Amino acid sequence: GSGTNFQAIAEACKEGLIDAEVVLLVCDKPDAKVLDRADNFGVPTFVFVPSTYYDKSEYEVQIVRRLQAAKVDLVCLAGYMRIVGPTLLDAFPGRIVNIHPALLPSFKGAHGIRDAFEYGVKVFGVTIHFVDHTLDGGPIIAQRSFEYHGKDIDEVEAQIHEIEHQLYPETIQKLIEESTI
C-alpha cells in the first residue's frame, strides 16, 4: 500500500474525529510512500529492515522500545504484512488492531481482495480485528460490507479502500470511547 490508511487516521486525529494523536509510525520498508505521509503530518518514524536482525523477536524488541518511549496506547496496523510475534503481543495485550480487506474469517492473508474476487463472492468488505498470534485472527471488532456483481477488480479495490478510510478511524474512536484500550 501507499499509506492511505495512515493518512485517513492522521487526518481524523487532526480534525478531532479521533480523540487521540498519532505519535509514531513504524515501517519495515525504507522506501515506503507512507514515510512521506508521516513527514507531512510531523509524525516521527521508526524504520527497520527485518533482514538486518537475527530474528523476529530481536526487531520486535526494538519496536516495543520505541512504542513504549512514545507512550503508545493503541497500535494500529495497516499494510504490516507480518505475523505479530509474542514480543510485541505481550507488550501490548489487547491493544493491537489490524485492518483486513476482506470479511474475515474468509480470505485471510496478503491477497484478500484478489482471493475473494477470484472465488466469485458477491459480498465484499473490510474487517478490523484485534491481533493475536494467528494470521488475520483475533476477535473481530468491526466489519462493513457491500455487494458487487461486476467484473472489475479495480472497482472492488477502490470501494474497499473507501470503506477502510471511513471504518478504521470510526472504529479507533469507538475503542477510545468504550475505554477498551
N, C-alpha and C. Protein backbone atom coordinates (compact mmCIF):
# COMPACT_ATOMS: atom_id res chain seq x y z
N GLY A 1 0.82 -1.19 0.00
CA GLY A 1 0.00 0.00 0.00
C GLY A 1 0.86 1.25 0.00
N SER A 2 0.19 2.36 -0.05
CA SER A 2 0.90 3.64 -0.11
C SER A 2 0.69 4.48 1.14
N GLY A 3 0.04 3.91 2.14
CA GLY A 3 -0.14 4.65 3.39
C GLY A 3 -1.44 5.42 3.49
N THR A 4 -2.42 5.05 2.68
CA THR A 4 -3.68 5.80 2.71
C THR A 4 -4.47 5.57 4.00
N ASN A 5 -4.33 4.40 4.62
CA ASN A 5 -5.00 4.21 5.92
C ASN A 5 -4.34 5.06 6.99
N PHE A 6 -3.01 5.14 6.97
CA PHE A 6 -2.31 6.05 7.88
C PHE A 6 -2.83 7.47 7.68
N GLN A 7 -2.92 7.88 6.44
CA GLN A 7 -3.38 9.23 6.11
C GLN A 7 -4.78 9.47 6.67
N ALA A 8 -5.67 8.50 6.47
CA ALA A 8 -7.05 8.65 6.96
C ALA A 8 -7.08 8.79 8.48
N ILE A 9 -6.28 8.00 9.18
CA ILE A 9 -6.23 8.06 10.64
C ILE A 9 -5.62 9.38 11.10
N ALA A 10 -4.52 9.77 10.49
CA ALA A 10 -3.86 11.03 10.88
C ALA A 10 -4.77 12.23 10.64
N GLU A 11 -5.47 12.23 9.51
CA GLU A 11 -6.40 13.33 9.22
C GLU A 11 -7.55 13.35 10.22
N ALA A 12 -8.08 12.17 10.55
CA ALA A 12 -9.18 12.10 11.51
C ALA A 12 -8.74 12.61 12.88
N CYS A 13 -7.52 12.31 13.28
CA CYS A 13 -6.99 12.84 14.55
C CYS A 13 -6.87 14.35 14.48
N LYS A 14 -6.31 14.84 13.39
CA LYS A 14 -6.11 16.28 13.21
C LYS A 14 -7.44 17.04 13.22
N GLU A 15 -8.48 16.42 12.63
CA GLU A 15 -9.79 17.06 12.54
C GLU A 15 -10.64 16.87 13.80
N GLY A 16 -10.11 16.13 14.78
CA GLY A 16 -10.85 15.91 16.01
C GLY A 16 -11.89 14.80 15.94
N LEU A 17 -11.86 14.01 14.88
CA LEU A 17 -12.80 12.89 14.76
C LEU A 17 -12.34 11.69 15.59
N ILE A 18 -11.06 11.66 15.90
CA ILE A 18 -10.50 10.67 16.82
C ILE A 18 -9.87 11.46 17.96
N ASP A 19 -10.25 11.12 19.19
CA ASP A 19 -9.70 11.80 20.37
C ASP A 19 -8.35 11.20 20.73
N ALA A 20 -7.39 11.38 19.83
CA ALA A 20 -6.05 10.82 20.03
C ALA A 20 -5.11 11.53 19.07
N GLU A 21 -3.84 11.17 19.18
CA GLU A 21 -2.88 11.67 18.21
C GLU A 21 -1.99 10.52 17.76
N VAL A 22 -1.53 10.62 16.54
CA VAL A 22 -0.59 9.64 16.01
C VAL A 22 0.79 10.08 16.48
N VAL A 23 1.45 9.23 17.28
CA VAL A 23 2.72 9.63 17.88
C VAL A 23 3.94 8.93 17.27
N LEU A 24 3.70 7.89 16.47
CA LEU A 24 4.82 7.17 15.87
C LEU A 24 4.32 6.32 14.71
N LEU A 25 5.11 6.28 13.65
CA LEU A 25 4.86 5.35 12.55
C LEU A 25 6.02 4.38 12.51
N VAL A 26 5.72 3.09 12.52
CA VAL A 26 6.73 2.05 12.41
C VAL A 26 6.58 1.43 11.03
N CYS A 27 7.69 1.28 10.33
CA CYS A 27 7.64 0.79 8.95
C CYS A 27 8.85 -0.11 8.68
N ASP A 28 8.61 -1.18 7.92
CA ASP A 28 9.70 -2.10 7.59
C ASP A 28 10.18 -1.96 6.15
N LYS A 29 9.79 -0.87 5.49
CA LYS A 29 10.22 -0.64 4.12
C LYS A 29 10.78 0.78 4.00
N PRO A 30 12.10 0.91 3.88
CA PRO A 30 12.73 2.23 3.87
C PRO A 30 12.27 3.17 2.75
N ASP A 31 11.69 2.62 1.68
CA ASP A 31 11.26 3.46 0.57
C ASP A 31 9.73 3.59 0.49
N ALA A 32 9.03 3.26 1.56
CA ALA A 32 7.57 3.28 1.55
C ALA A 32 7.03 4.71 1.46
N LYS A 33 5.99 4.88 0.67
CA LYS A 33 5.37 6.19 0.49
C LYS A 33 4.78 6.72 1.80
N VAL A 34 4.39 5.82 2.69
CA VAL A 34 3.81 6.24 3.97
C VAL A 34 4.78 7.10 4.77
N LEU A 35 6.07 6.93 4.56
CA LEU A 35 7.06 7.73 5.29
C LEU A 35 6.93 9.21 4.92
N ASP A 36 6.64 9.49 3.66
CA ASP A 36 6.39 10.87 3.23
C ASP A 36 5.12 11.40 3.87
N ARG A 37 4.10 10.55 3.94
CA ARG A 37 2.84 10.97 4.56
C ARG A 37 3.07 11.31 6.03
N ALA A 38 3.83 10.47 6.72
CA ALA A 38 4.13 10.73 8.14
C ALA A 38 4.87 12.05 8.29
N ASP A 39 5.84 12.28 7.43
CA ASP A 39 6.61 13.52 7.47
C ASP A 39 5.69 14.74 7.28
N ASN A 40 4.74 14.62 6.37
CA ASN A 40 3.80 15.71 6.12
C ASN A 40 2.95 16.04 7.35
N PHE A 41 2.69 15.04 8.19
CA PHE A 41 1.91 15.25 9.41
C PHE A 41 2.80 15.51 10.62
N GLY A 42 4.12 15.51 10.43
CA GLY A 42 5.04 15.73 11.54
C GLY A 42 5.10 14.56 12.50
N VAL A 43 4.80 13.36 12.01
CA VAL A 43 4.80 12.17 12.85
C VAL A 43 6.18 11.51 12.78
N PRO A 44 6.82 11.28 13.93
CA PRO A 44 8.11 10.59 13.94
C PRO A 44 7.98 9.17 13.39
N THR A 45 9.07 8.67 12.84
CA THR A 45 9.05 7.33 12.26
C THR A 45 10.19 6.48 12.82
N PHE A 46 9.94 5.18 12.84
CA PHE A 46 10.98 4.20 13.10
C PHE A 46 10.95 3.22 11.94
N VAL A 47 12.02 3.19 11.16
CA VAL A 47 12.12 2.30 10.01
C VAL A 47 13.12 1.21 10.36
N PHE A 48 12.71 -0.02 10.16
CA PHE A 48 13.62 -1.14 10.41
C PHE A 48 13.60 -2.07 9.21
N VAL A 49 14.69 -2.77 9.00
CA VAL A 49 14.80 -3.74 7.91
C VAL A 49 14.95 -5.11 8.56
N PRO A 50 13.90 -5.94 8.49
CA PRO A 50 13.93 -7.22 9.21
C PRO A 50 15.15 -8.09 8.92
N SER A 51 15.64 -8.06 7.70
CA SER A 51 16.77 -8.92 7.34
C SER A 51 18.06 -8.54 8.06
N THR A 52 18.10 -7.37 8.67
CA THR A 52 19.30 -6.96 9.39
C THR A 52 19.28 -7.42 10.85
N TYR A 53 18.22 -8.10 11.24
CA TYR A 53 18.10 -8.61 12.61
C TYR A 53 18.23 -10.12 12.61
N TYR A 54 18.65 -10.65 13.73
CA TYR A 54 18.84 -12.09 13.86
C TYR A 54 17.52 -12.83 13.71
N ASP A 55 16.47 -12.33 14.35
CA ASP A 55 15.17 -12.97 14.25
C ASP A 55 14.06 -11.96 14.57
N LYS A 56 12.82 -12.42 14.48
CA LYS A 56 11.66 -11.57 14.71
C LYS A 56 11.68 -10.94 16.09
N SER A 57 12.02 -11.72 17.11
CA SER A 57 11.98 -11.16 18.46
C SER A 57 12.97 -10.02 18.62
N GLU A 58 14.09 -10.09 17.91
CA GLU A 58 15.10 -9.03 18.02
C GLU A 58 14.56 -7.70 17.48
N TYR A 59 13.90 -7.73 16.32
CA TYR A 59 13.38 -6.44 15.82
C TYR A 59 12.11 -6.04 16.55
N GLU A 60 11.35 -7.00 17.05
CA GLU A 60 10.17 -6.63 17.82
C GLU A 60 10.55 -5.96 19.14
N VAL A 61 11.66 -6.34 19.74
CA VAL A 61 12.14 -5.66 20.95
C VAL A 61 12.38 -4.18 20.64
N GLN A 62 12.97 -3.91 19.49
CA GLN A 62 13.23 -2.51 19.10
C GLN A 62 11.92 -1.76 18.85
N ILE A 63 10.96 -2.43 18.24
CA ILE A 63 9.65 -1.81 18.01
C ILE A 63 8.99 -1.49 19.35
N VAL A 64 8.99 -2.46 20.25
CA VAL A 64 8.37 -2.26 21.57
C VAL A 64 9.02 -1.09 22.29
N ARG A 65 10.33 -1.03 22.28
CA ARG A 65 11.04 0.08 22.95
C ARG A 65 10.58 1.43 22.42
N ARG A 66 10.48 1.52 21.11
CA ARG A 66 10.08 2.80 20.50
C ARG A 66 8.61 3.12 20.80
N LEU A 67 7.75 2.11 20.73
CA LEU A 67 6.33 2.33 21.03
C LEU A 67 6.15 2.76 22.49
N GLN A 68 6.85 2.10 23.39
CA GLN A 68 6.74 2.46 24.81
C GLN A 68 7.31 3.85 25.07
N ALA A 69 8.41 4.18 24.44
CA ALA A 69 9.01 5.52 24.61
C ALA A 69 8.06 6.61 24.12
N ALA A 70 7.27 6.28 23.09
CA ALA A 70 6.30 7.24 22.54
C ALA A 70 4.99 7.22 23.32
N LYS A 71 4.91 6.37 24.35
CA LYS A 71 3.72 6.25 25.19
C LYS A 71 2.47 5.88 24.37
N VAL A 72 2.64 4.92 23.49
CA VAL A 72 1.55 4.46 22.63
C VAL A 72 0.54 3.66 23.45
N ASP A 73 -0.74 3.99 23.27
CA ASP A 73 -1.82 3.26 23.93
C ASP A 73 -2.42 2.19 23.03
N LEU A 74 -2.49 2.48 21.73
CA LEU A 74 -3.09 1.56 20.77
C LEU A 74 -2.19 1.47 19.55
N VAL A 75 -1.90 0.25 19.12
CA VAL A 75 -1.11 0.01 17.93
C VAL A 75 -2.07 -0.35 16.80
N CYS A 76 -2.07 0.44 15.74
CA CYS A 76 -2.96 0.23 14.60
C CYS A 76 -2.14 -0.21 13.41
N LEU A 77 -2.34 -1.45 13.00
CA LEU A 77 -1.60 -1.98 11.86
C LEU A 77 -2.34 -1.68 10.57
N ALA A 78 -1.60 -1.37 9.53
CA ALA A 78 -2.16 -1.20 8.19
C ALA A 78 -1.04 -1.47 7.20
N GLY A 79 -1.18 -2.51 6.44
CA GLY A 79 -0.13 -2.85 5.49
C GLY A 79 1.09 -3.49 6.13
N TYR A 80 0.97 -3.91 7.37
CA TYR A 80 2.08 -4.60 8.05
C TYR A 80 1.93 -6.08 7.71
N MET A 81 2.69 -6.53 6.74
CA MET A 81 2.49 -7.86 6.18
C MET A 81 3.32 -8.92 6.90
N ARG A 82 3.25 -8.90 8.22
CA ARG A 82 3.99 -9.87 9.03
C ARG A 82 3.09 -10.36 10.16
N ILE A 83 3.28 -11.58 10.55
CA ILE A 83 2.56 -12.08 11.73
C ILE A 83 3.24 -11.48 12.95
N VAL A 84 2.46 -10.87 13.79
CA VAL A 84 3.00 -10.23 15.00
C VAL A 84 3.41 -11.33 15.98
N GLY A 85 4.61 -11.21 16.49
CA GLY A 85 5.15 -12.22 17.39
C GLY A 85 4.83 -11.94 18.85
N PRO A 86 5.18 -12.89 19.72
CA PRO A 86 4.86 -12.76 21.14
C PRO A 86 5.52 -11.57 21.83
N THR A 87 6.68 -11.14 21.36
CA THR A 87 7.35 -9.99 21.98
C THR A 87 6.46 -8.76 21.92
N LEU A 88 5.91 -8.50 20.76
CA LEU A 88 5.04 -7.33 20.56
C LEU A 88 3.66 -7.57 21.17
N LEU A 89 3.11 -8.76 20.97
CA LEU A 89 1.79 -9.07 21.53
C LEU A 89 1.78 -8.96 23.05
N ASP A 90 2.81 -9.47 23.70
CA ASP A 90 2.86 -9.45 25.16
C ASP A 90 3.02 -8.03 25.71
N ALA A 91 3.68 -7.17 24.94
CA ALA A 91 3.90 -5.79 25.39
C ALA A 91 2.64 -4.93 25.28
N PHE A 92 1.73 -5.31 24.38
CA PHE A 92 0.50 -4.54 24.14
C PHE A 92 -0.71 -5.47 24.08
N PRO A 93 -0.98 -6.18 25.17
CA PRO A 93 -2.08 -7.16 25.14
C PRO A 93 -3.44 -6.47 24.93
N GLY A 94 -4.17 -6.95 23.93
CA GLY A 94 -5.48 -6.39 23.64
C GLY A 94 -5.43 -4.96 23.13
N ARG A 95 -4.25 -4.52 22.70
CA ARG A 95 -4.11 -3.13 22.25
C ARG A 95 -3.47 -3.02 20.87
N ILE A 96 -3.54 -4.11 20.11
CA ILE A 96 -3.06 -4.09 18.73
C ILE A 96 -4.24 -4.45 17.83
N VAL A 97 -4.53 -3.58 16.88
CA VAL A 97 -5.63 -3.84 15.95
C VAL A 97 -5.08 -3.84 14.52
N ASN A 98 -5.80 -4.52 13.65
CA ASN A 98 -5.40 -4.63 12.25
C ASN A 98 -6.61 -4.43 11.37
N ILE A 99 -6.38 -3.96 10.17
CA ILE A 99 -7.43 -3.84 9.17
C ILE A 99 -7.13 -4.83 8.06
N HIS A 100 -8.18 -5.50 7.59
CA HIS A 100 -8.03 -6.52 6.55
C HIS A 100 -9.07 -6.28 5.46
N PRO A 101 -8.66 -6.34 4.18
CA PRO A 101 -9.57 -6.01 3.09
C PRO A 101 -10.47 -7.15 2.62
N ALA A 102 -11.02 -7.88 3.58
CA ALA A 102 -11.98 -8.94 3.28
C ALA A 102 -12.79 -9.18 4.55
N LEU A 103 -13.86 -9.94 4.40
CA LEU A 103 -14.70 -10.25 5.54
C LEU A 103 -14.17 -11.51 6.22
N LEU A 104 -13.36 -11.30 7.24
CA LEU A 104 -12.82 -12.44 7.99
C LEU A 104 -13.98 -13.16 8.69
N PRO A 105 -13.88 -14.45 8.88
CA PRO A 105 -12.67 -15.27 8.76
C PRO A 105 -12.36 -15.77 7.34
N SER A 106 -13.10 -15.34 6.34
CA SER A 106 -12.80 -15.75 4.96
C SER A 106 -11.67 -14.91 4.37
N PHE A 107 -10.93 -15.50 3.47
CA PHE A 107 -9.93 -14.81 2.65
C PHE A 107 -8.87 -14.10 3.48
N LYS A 108 -8.25 -14.87 4.37
CA LYS A 108 -7.14 -14.37 5.16
C LYS A 108 -5.91 -14.23 4.28
N GLY A 109 -4.93 -13.49 4.77
CA GLY A 109 -3.65 -13.40 4.08
C GLY A 109 -3.50 -12.15 3.23
N ALA A 110 -2.41 -12.10 2.51
CA ALA A 110 -1.98 -10.90 1.81
C ALA A 110 -2.83 -10.54 0.60
N HIS A 111 -3.63 -11.47 0.11
CA HIS A 111 -4.36 -11.22 -1.14
C HIS A 111 -5.87 -11.37 -0.96
N GLY A 112 -6.39 -10.80 0.12
CA GLY A 112 -7.80 -10.95 0.45
C GLY A 112 -8.74 -10.50 -0.65
N ILE A 113 -8.48 -9.35 -1.24
CA ILE A 113 -9.36 -8.83 -2.29
C ILE A 113 -9.32 -9.75 -3.50
N ARG A 114 -8.13 -10.04 -3.97
CA ARG A 114 -7.98 -10.90 -5.15
C ARG A 114 -8.59 -12.28 -4.92
N ASP A 115 -8.31 -12.86 -3.75
CA ASP A 115 -8.83 -14.19 -3.47
C ASP A 115 -10.35 -14.21 -3.45
N ALA A 116 -10.96 -13.20 -2.83
CA ALA A 116 -12.42 -13.12 -2.79
C ALA A 116 -12.98 -12.92 -4.19
N PHE A 117 -12.35 -12.06 -4.97
CA PHE A 117 -12.80 -11.77 -6.33
C PHE A 117 -12.72 -13.03 -7.19
N GLU A 118 -11.60 -13.72 -7.12
CA GLU A 118 -11.41 -14.93 -7.93
C GLU A 118 -12.35 -16.05 -7.50
N TYR A 119 -12.71 -16.07 -6.23
CA TYR A 119 -13.65 -17.08 -5.75
C TYR A 119 -15.06 -16.81 -6.27
N GLY A 120 -15.32 -15.55 -6.61
CA GLY A 120 -16.62 -15.20 -7.16
C GLY A 120 -17.63 -14.70 -6.15
N VAL A 121 -17.17 -14.24 -4.99
CA VAL A 121 -18.12 -13.75 -4.00
C VAL A 121 -18.85 -12.53 -4.53
N LYS A 122 -20.03 -12.30 -4.01
CA LYS A 122 -20.84 -11.14 -4.40
C LYS A 122 -20.89 -10.10 -3.29
N VAL A 123 -20.43 -10.47 -2.10
CA VAL A 123 -20.37 -9.55 -0.96
C VAL A 123 -18.91 -9.44 -0.53
N PHE A 124 -18.39 -8.23 -0.63
CA PHE A 124 -17.02 -7.93 -0.24
C PHE A 124 -17.06 -7.06 1.00
N GLY A 125 -15.90 -6.85 1.61
CA GLY A 125 -15.91 -5.96 2.75
C GLY A 125 -14.57 -5.83 3.42
N VAL A 126 -14.63 -5.18 4.58
CA VAL A 126 -13.45 -4.83 5.37
C VAL A 126 -13.68 -5.32 6.79
N THR A 127 -12.63 -5.81 7.42
CA THR A 127 -12.68 -6.26 8.81
C THR A 127 -11.60 -5.54 9.61
N ILE A 128 -11.97 -5.11 10.80
CA ILE A 128 -10.99 -4.63 11.77
C ILE A 128 -11.06 -5.58 12.95
N HIS A 129 -9.90 -6.06 13.38
CA HIS A 129 -9.87 -7.07 14.43
C HIS A 129 -8.69 -6.84 15.36
N PHE A 130 -8.84 -7.36 16.59
CA PHE A 130 -7.70 -7.40 17.49
C PHE A 130 -6.73 -8.44 16.96
N VAL A 131 -5.45 -8.20 17.15
CA VAL A 131 -4.41 -9.09 16.65
C VAL A 131 -4.06 -10.11 17.71
N ASP A 132 -3.94 -11.36 17.27
CA ASP A 132 -3.41 -12.41 18.14
C ASP A 132 -2.27 -13.09 17.39
N HIS A 133 -1.88 -14.27 17.84
CA HIS A 133 -0.71 -14.94 17.27
C HIS A 133 -0.98 -15.62 15.93
N THR A 134 -2.22 -15.57 15.44
CA THR A 134 -2.56 -16.24 14.19
C THR A 134 -2.66 -15.25 13.03
N LEU A 135 -2.58 -15.75 11.82
CA LEU A 135 -2.70 -14.92 10.63
C LEU A 135 -4.13 -14.40 10.50
N ASP A 136 -4.28 -13.10 10.56
CA ASP A 136 -5.59 -12.45 10.45
C ASP A 136 -6.61 -13.06 11.39
N GLY A 137 -6.13 -13.45 12.57
CA GLY A 137 -7.01 -13.99 13.61
C GLY A 137 -7.29 -12.92 14.64
N GLY A 138 -7.84 -13.34 15.74
CA GLY A 138 -8.18 -12.40 16.80
C GLY A 138 -9.62 -11.96 16.68
N PRO A 139 -10.19 -11.53 17.80
CA PRO A 139 -11.61 -11.13 17.81
C PRO A 139 -11.90 -9.99 16.85
N ILE A 140 -13.01 -10.13 16.14
CA ILE A 140 -13.44 -9.10 15.19
C ILE A 140 -14.06 -7.95 15.96
N ILE A 141 -13.67 -6.74 15.61
CA ILE A 141 -14.19 -5.52 16.24
C ILE A 141 -15.28 -4.91 15.37
N ALA A 142 -15.02 -4.83 14.07
CA ALA A 142 -15.97 -4.18 13.16
C ALA A 142 -15.83 -4.76 11.76
N GLN A 143 -16.95 -4.77 11.05
CA GLN A 143 -16.95 -5.17 9.64
C GLN A 143 -17.93 -4.28 8.89
N ARG A 144 -17.64 -4.05 7.63
CA ARG A 144 -18.57 -3.34 6.76
C ARG A 144 -18.48 -4.01 5.39
N SER A 145 -19.65 -4.24 4.80
CA SER A 145 -19.69 -4.98 3.54
C SER A 145 -20.44 -4.21 2.46
N PHE A 146 -20.29 -4.70 1.24
CA PHE A 146 -21.04 -4.16 0.11
C PHE A 146 -21.18 -5.25 -0.94
N GLU A 147 -22.25 -5.16 -1.73
CA GLU A 147 -22.45 -6.11 -2.82
C GLU A 147 -21.81 -5.58 -4.09
N TYR A 148 -21.27 -6.50 -4.86
CA TYR A 148 -20.69 -6.13 -6.14
C TYR A 148 -20.91 -7.29 -7.10
N HIS A 149 -21.47 -6.98 -8.25
CA HIS A 149 -21.76 -8.03 -9.23
C HIS A 149 -21.04 -7.80 -10.56
N GLY A 150 -20.11 -6.86 -10.58
CA GLY A 150 -19.38 -6.55 -11.81
C GLY A 150 -18.19 -7.46 -12.02
N LYS A 151 -17.36 -7.06 -12.96
CA LYS A 151 -16.22 -7.89 -13.34
C LYS A 151 -14.88 -7.14 -13.26
N ASP A 152 -14.84 -6.05 -12.52
CA ASP A 152 -13.64 -5.22 -12.47
C ASP A 152 -13.08 -5.19 -11.05
N ILE A 153 -11.97 -5.88 -10.86
CA ILE A 153 -11.38 -5.96 -9.52
C ILE A 153 -10.92 -4.58 -9.04
N ASP A 154 -10.55 -3.69 -9.96
CA ASP A 154 -10.14 -2.35 -9.56
C ASP A 154 -11.28 -1.58 -8.91
N GLU A 155 -12.51 -1.81 -9.39
CA GLU A 155 -13.69 -1.17 -8.77
C GLU A 155 -13.89 -1.69 -7.35
N VAL A 156 -13.71 -2.99 -7.17
CA VAL A 156 -13.83 -3.60 -5.84
C VAL A 156 -12.78 -3.01 -4.91
N GLU A 157 -11.56 -2.95 -5.39
CA GLU A 157 -10.46 -2.43 -4.57
C GLU A 157 -10.71 -0.98 -4.17
N ALA A 158 -11.19 -0.17 -5.09
CA ALA A 158 -11.48 1.24 -4.79
C ALA A 158 -12.57 1.35 -3.72
N GLN A 159 -13.60 0.53 -3.83
CA GLN A 159 -14.69 0.56 -2.84
C GLN A 159 -14.17 0.10 -1.47
N ILE A 160 -13.33 -0.91 -1.46
CA ILE A 160 -12.77 -1.39 -0.19
C ILE A 160 -11.92 -0.30 0.46
N HIS A 161 -11.09 0.38 -0.31
CA HIS A 161 -10.27 1.45 0.26
C HIS A 161 -11.13 2.58 0.81
N GLU A 162 -12.20 2.90 0.11
CA GLU A 162 -13.10 3.95 0.60
C GLU A 162 -13.71 3.55 1.95
N ILE A 163 -14.11 2.30 2.06
CA ILE A 163 -14.67 1.81 3.33
C ILE A 163 -13.59 1.80 4.42
N GLU A 164 -12.39 1.33 4.08
CA GLU A 164 -11.30 1.31 5.06
C GLU A 164 -11.07 2.69 5.66
N HIS A 165 -11.05 3.69 4.81
CA HIS A 165 -10.72 5.05 5.25
C HIS A 165 -11.80 5.66 6.13
N GLN A 166 -13.01 5.10 6.09
CA GLN A 166 -14.08 5.53 6.99
C GLN A 166 -14.11 4.66 8.25
N LEU A 167 -14.05 3.35 8.03
CA LEU A 167 -14.26 2.40 9.13
C LEU A 167 -13.12 2.40 10.14
N TYR A 168 -11.88 2.50 9.69
CA TYR A 168 -10.77 2.43 10.63
C TYR A 168 -10.80 3.59 11.62
N PRO A 169 -10.90 4.85 11.16
CA PRO A 169 -11.00 5.94 12.14
C PRO A 169 -12.22 5.83 13.05
N GLU A 170 -13.36 5.44 12.49
CA GLU A 170 -14.58 5.28 13.31
C GLU A 170 -14.36 4.23 14.40
N THR A 171 -13.72 3.14 14.04
CA THR A 171 -13.51 2.04 14.98
C THR A 171 -12.50 2.44 16.06
N ILE A 172 -11.46 3.14 15.68
CA ILE A 172 -10.49 3.62 16.67
C ILE A 172 -11.18 4.52 17.68
N GLN A 173 -11.99 5.45 17.20
CA GLN A 173 -12.71 6.34 18.11
C GLN A 173 -13.66 5.56 19.01
N LYS A 174 -14.32 4.56 18.46
CA LYS A 174 -15.23 3.73 19.27
C LYS A 174 -14.45 3.00 20.38
N LEU A 175 -13.28 2.48 20.06
CA LEU A 175 -12.45 1.82 21.07
C LEU A 175 -12.06 2.80 22.17
N ILE A 176 -11.74 4.02 21.79
CA ILE A 176 -11.38 5.05 22.78
C ILE A 176 -12.58 5.35 23.67
N GLU A 177 -13.75 5.54 23.05
CA GLU A 177 -14.96 5.87 23.81
C GLU A 177 -15.38 4.74 24.75
N GLU A 178 -15.17 3.52 24.32
CA GLU A 178 -15.53 2.37 25.15
C GLU A 178 -14.44 2.05 26.17
N SER A 179 -13.36 2.80 26.14
CA SER A 179 -12.23 2.62 27.06
C SER A 179 -11.73 1.19 27.09
N THR A 180 -11.69 0.56 25.92
CA THR A 180 -11.16 -0.80 25.85
C THR A 180 -9.65 -0.80 25.70
N ILE A 181 -9.06 0.39 25.60
CA ILE A 181 -7.60 0.45 25.46
C ILE A 181 -7.02 1.26 26.61
